[in-house]
Amino acid sequence: MSDRRQRLGRRGEEAAAAYLQANGYTILARNLRCGRGEIDLLATRDGLLIFVEVRTRRSGAFAHPEETVTPRKQAHLLAAAEQYLQEHPESPENWQFDLIAIEGDPDQNPVITHFENVLA
């Protein structure tokens, strides 16, 4: 991945974390490496553990951010979550996956769409 895309992704993750915090979520961790996958944000709200995937695109001209989560990426996310839960048995029993899609410049009023409970 190019350095430019990595910077955009990091800025998107920062915007997503700020959005979640403003909406009552507590951020527990960022960029967790678990097995073959990575969890962008780990959050809690109302006793629920939430694995958050963040997708950032400057525009939706070719595809919206949420359309870029492939079945392969979904499998990696599930594997990473399972690994995390095995390593942290103290975690809440109830958990879910959310997706934060960010379109536009993350530093200048991007459009943020929050999809809750996207993977089963």
Protein backbone atom coordinates (compact mmCIF):
# COMPACT_ATOMS: atom_id res chain seq x y z
CA MET A 1 0.00 0.00 0.00
CA SER A 2 1.31 3.44 -0.89
CA ASP A 3 2.34 5.89 1.79
CA ARG A 4 -0.37 8.28 0.59
CA ARG A 5 -3.09 5.63 1.00
CA GLN A 6 -1.75 4.69 4.44
CA ARG A 7 -1.93 8.33 5.56
CA LEU A 8 -5.49 8.61 4.24
CA GLY A 9 -6.42 5.41 6.09
CA ARG A 10 -4.89 6.65 9.36
CA ARG A 11 -6.71 9.96 9.07
CA GLY A 12 -9.94 8.08 8.36
CA GLU A 13 -9.42 5.94 11.46
CA GLU A 14 -8.86 9.08 13.54
CA ALA A 15 -12.09 10.59 12.17
CA ALA A 16 -13.97 7.34 12.87
CA ALA A 17 -12.66 7.19 16.45
CA ALA A 18 -13.69 10.82 17.04
CA TYR A 19 -17.15 10.08 15.58
CA LEU A 20 -17.60 7.03 17.80
CA GLN A 21 -16.46 8.86 20.93
CA ALA A 22 -18.84 11.73 20.17
CA ASN A 23 -21.63 9.15 20.00
CA GLY A 24 -20.95 7.54 23.38
CA TYR A 25 -18.49 4.79 22.45
CA THR A 26 -15.28 4.12 24.34
CA ILE A 27 -12.27 3.29 22.17
CA LEU A 28 -10.28 0.44 23.75
CA ALA A 29 -7.61 -0.05 21.08
CA ARG A 30 -6.53 0.89 17.57
CA ASN A 31 -4.86 -1.20 14.89
CA LEU A 32 -4.85 -4.51 16.75
CA ARG A 33 -2.93 -7.27 14.97
CA CYS A 34 -4.63 -10.59 15.61
CA GLY A 35 -3.43 -13.57 13.63
CA ARG A 36 -3.80 -12.90 9.91
CA GLY A 37 -5.95 -9.83 10.34
CA GLU A 38 -6.09 -6.41 11.85
CA ILE A 39 -8.86 -4.74 13.77
CA ASP A 40 -8.94 -1.02 13.01
CA LEU A 41 -10.79 0.02 16.17
CA LEU A 42 -12.01 -1.88 19.20
CA ALA A 43 -14.75 -0.11 21.10
CA THR A 44 -17.43 -0.64 23.72
CA ARG A 45 -20.84 0.83 24.30
CA ASP A 46 -23.54 -0.32 26.67
CA GLY A 47 -21.63 -3.50 27.58
CA LEU A 48 -21.19 -4.51 23.93
CA LEU A 49 -17.73 -5.17 22.45
CA ILE A 50 -17.52 -3.74 18.94
CA PHE A 51 -14.93 -4.61 16.30
CA VAL A 52 -14.83 -1.69 13.87
CA GLU A 53 -13.59 -1.78 10.29
CA VAL A 54 -12.91 1.67 8.83
CA ARG A 55 -12.97 2.27 5.08
CA THR A 56 -11.95 5.65 3.70
CA ARG A 57 -12.23 6.89 0.11
CA ARG A 58 -11.74 10.37 -1.22
CA SER A 59 -14.84 9.93 -3.39
CA GLY A 60 -17.41 7.33 -4.25
CA ALA A 61 -16.83 7.73 -7.98
CA PHE A 62 -15.70 4.13 -8.50
CA ALA A 63 -17.10 2.49 -5.37
CA HIS A 64 -18.39 3.59 -2.02
CA PRO A 65 -16.14 2.68 0.92
CA GLU A 66 -18.53 0.03 2.22
CA GLU A 67 -18.44 -1.75 -1.14
CA THR A 68 -14.73 -2.45 -0.76
CA VAL A 69 -15.10 -5.03 2.03
CA THR A 70 -14.61 -8.24 0.07
CA PRO A 71 -15.57 -11.74 1.27
CA ARG A 72 -11.85 -12.37 1.81
CA LYS A 73 -11.58 -9.27 4.00
CA GLN A 74 -14.68 -10.38 5.93
CA ALA A 75 -13.05 -13.75 6.60
CA HIS A 76 -9.90 -12.03 7.86
CA LEU A 77 -11.97 -9.80 10.14
CA LEU A 78 -13.81 -12.77 11.62
CA ALA A 79 -10.54 -14.66 12.14
CA ALA A 80 -8.98 -11.63 13.84
CA ALA A 81 -11.99 -11.23 16.14
CA GLU A 82 -11.98 -14.91 17.05
CA GLN A 83 -8.26 -14.72 17.84
CA TYR A 84 -8.81 -11.62 19.99
CA LEU A 85 -11.68 -13.23 21.91
CA GLN A 86 -9.61 -16.38 22.58
CA GLU A 87 -6.73 -14.27 23.88
CA HIS A 88 -9.05 -12.09 26.00
CA PRO A 89 -11.55 -14.37 27.75
CA GLU A 90 -12.47 -11.46 30.05
CA SER A 91 -14.12 -9.68 27.09
CA PRO A 92 -17.87 -9.13 27.13
CA GLU A 93 -19.91 -12.05 25.79
CA ASN A 94 -21.86 -9.85 23.42
CA TRP A 95 -19.97 -8.46 20.46
CA GLN A 96 -20.52 -7.30 16.91
CA PHE A 97 -18.82 -5.91 13.83
CA ASP A 98 -19.47 -2.35 12.69
CA LEU A 99 -18.26 -0.61 9.57
CA ILE A 100 -17.48 3.08 9.40
CA ALA A 101 -17.44 4.36 5.81
CA ILE A 102 -15.79 7.72 5.25
CA GLU A 103 -16.07 9.62 1.97
CA GLY A 104 -14.12 12.79 1.28
CA ASP A 105 -11.19 14.33 3.10
CA PRO A 106 -11.21 12.96 6.68
CA ASP A 107 -9.93 16.32 7.94
CA GLN A 108 -12.58 18.48 6.25
CA ASN A 109 -16.14 17.46 7.11
CA PRO A 110 -16.25 14.03 5.48
CA VAL A 111 -19.45 12.07 5.04
CA ILE A 112 -19.39 9.39 7.75
CA THR A 113 -21.78 6.46 7.54
CA HIS A 114 -21.96 3.99 10.41
CA PHE A 115 -23.17 0.48 9.59
CA GLU A 116 -23.89 -1.55 12.73
CA ASN A 117 -23.70 -5.33 13.16
CA VAL A 118 -22.55 -6.02 9.59
CA LEU A 119 -21.12 -9.55 9.98
CA ALA A 120 -22.70 -12.53 11.64
